[in-house]
Structures are given as C-alpha cells and as structure tokens.
Amino acid sequence: MTTVTIREAKTNLSKLLRKIAAGDEVIILRGKKPVARLVAVGEVKRKRQPGSLKATLRVGPEFFEPVLKNEFSRWE
C-alpha cells in the first residue's frame, strides 16, 4: 500500500494509476489524515445493454394508479 499527499497524487497521477492497475492500493493524505483510497475497478464483464431485462420485468397497471392521501402518512 502506497500513501501520498494530495500534491504528490496530482503530480504523479499517471505513475499511481500504473501501480493501482498492477494491484497496489494508494491512500491519499491531507496533511497526516487519510481522505481517499484508490483501488483498481476490476474488469467489466460485459457492456450494458439497454432493454436487456425487458422480458424479465413487468409493470402492472396498479403502478400507474394515483396514490391515496392516507398512504402518504405511512411514508413519513
């Protein structure tokens, strides 16, 4: 695990990203206090497809009915 100040992170961002991609973790400090942790995102398994759940999810007609006033009190 690598720790750097905000200034060092700004100056060496490309180098830090290479370290993160290699599996390292970077902690960014403000003074002596840690404020952020940078880690690799990981691989995205597949690209998102709009409408891919179209055949799975169903919205019934009751979804579009107006909400009664007494039902709002349960939300408060």
Protein backbone atom coordinates (compact mmCIF):
# COMPACT_ATOMS: atom_id res chain seq x y z
CA MET A 1 0.00 0.00 0.00
CA THR A 2 1.32 3.41 -1.01
CA THR A 3 0.49 6.67 0.78
CA VAL A 4 0.85 10.06 -0.87
CA THR A 5 -0.19 13.62 -0.21
CA ILE A 6 -2.70 15.38 -2.41
CA ARG A 7 0.08 17.33 -4.11
CA GLU A 8 2.06 14.15 -4.84
CA ALA A 9 -1.09 12.49 -6.19
CA LYS A 10 -1.73 15.39 -8.59
CA THR A 11 1.89 15.44 -9.74
CA ASN A 12 2.28 11.68 -10.18
CA LEU A 13 -1.21 10.55 -11.18
CA SER A 14 -0.06 8.51 -14.19
CA LYS A 15 2.53 6.65 -12.11
CA LEU A 16 -0.01 5.99 -9.36
CA LEU A 17 -2.52 4.65 -11.87
CA ARG A 18 0.08 2.18 -13.16
CA LYS A 19 0.68 0.99 -9.59
CA ILE A 20 -3.06 0.65 -8.99
CA ALA A 21 -3.52 -1.31 -12.22
CA ALA A 22 -0.76 -3.66 -11.03
CA GLY A 23 -2.75 -4.36 -7.85
CA ASP A 24 -1.39 -1.78 -5.42
CA GLU A 25 -3.62 0.38 -3.27
CA VAL A 26 -2.98 4.13 -2.88
CA ILE A 27 -4.06 6.17 0.13
CA ILE A 28 -4.23 9.95 -0.35
CA LEU A 29 -3.49 12.07 2.70
CA ARG A 30 -4.48 15.63 3.56
CA GLY A 31 -1.71 16.51 5.95
CA LYS A 32 -1.45 13.34 8.04
CA LYS A 33 -5.12 12.38 7.73
CA PRO A 34 -6.19 9.82 5.09
CA VAL A 35 -9.00 11.18 2.90
CA ALA A 36 -9.24 8.75 -0.04
CA ARG A 37 -8.30 5.24 -1.08
CA LEU A 38 -7.65 4.45 -4.73
CA VAL A 39 -8.07 0.85 -5.90
CA ALA A 40 -8.47 -0.79 -9.27
CA VAL A 41 -12.01 -1.02 -10.59
CA GLY A 42 -11.64 -4.52 -11.92
CA GLU A 43 -12.75 -5.86 -15.25
CA VAL A 44 -16.18 -5.11 -16.62
CA LYS A 45 -17.66 -8.44 -17.64
CA ARG A 46 -19.78 -7.14 -20.49
CA LYS A 47 -21.17 -3.99 -21.93
CA ARG A 48 -24.54 -2.89 -20.59
CA GLN A 49 -27.43 -3.37 -22.99
CA PRO A 50 -30.47 -1.09 -22.67
CA GLY A 51 -33.63 -3.17 -22.60
CA SER A 52 -31.87 -6.41 -21.61
CA LEU A 53 -34.42 -7.01 -18.81
CA LYS A 54 -37.41 -6.21 -20.99
CA ALA A 55 -38.75 -9.77 -20.96
CA THR A 56 -38.00 -10.19 -17.22
CA LEU A 57 -39.50 -7.12 -15.53
CA ARG A 58 -43.19 -6.35 -15.70
CA VAL A 59 -45.00 -3.22 -14.51
CA GLY A 60 -48.66 -3.87 -13.74
CA PRO A 61 -51.45 -1.33 -14.27
CA GLU A 62 -51.64 -0.66 -10.50
CA PHE A 63 -48.28 1.10 -10.78
CA PHE A 64 -49.94 3.94 -12.66
CA GLU A 65 -52.87 4.36 -10.24
CA PRO A 66 -52.80 7.53 -8.10
CA VAL A 67 -51.56 7.22 -4.51
CA LEU A 68 -54.21 7.86 -1.87
CA LYS A 69 -53.56 10.61 0.67
CA ASN A 70 -53.74 8.22 3.64
CA GLU A 71 -50.97 6.11 2.05
CA PHE A 72 -48.58 9.08 2.21
CA SER A 73 -48.74 9.07 6.02
CA ARG A 74 -47.03 5.64 6.05
CA TRP A 75 -44.03 7.17 4.25
CA GLU A 76 -43.34 9.83 6.86
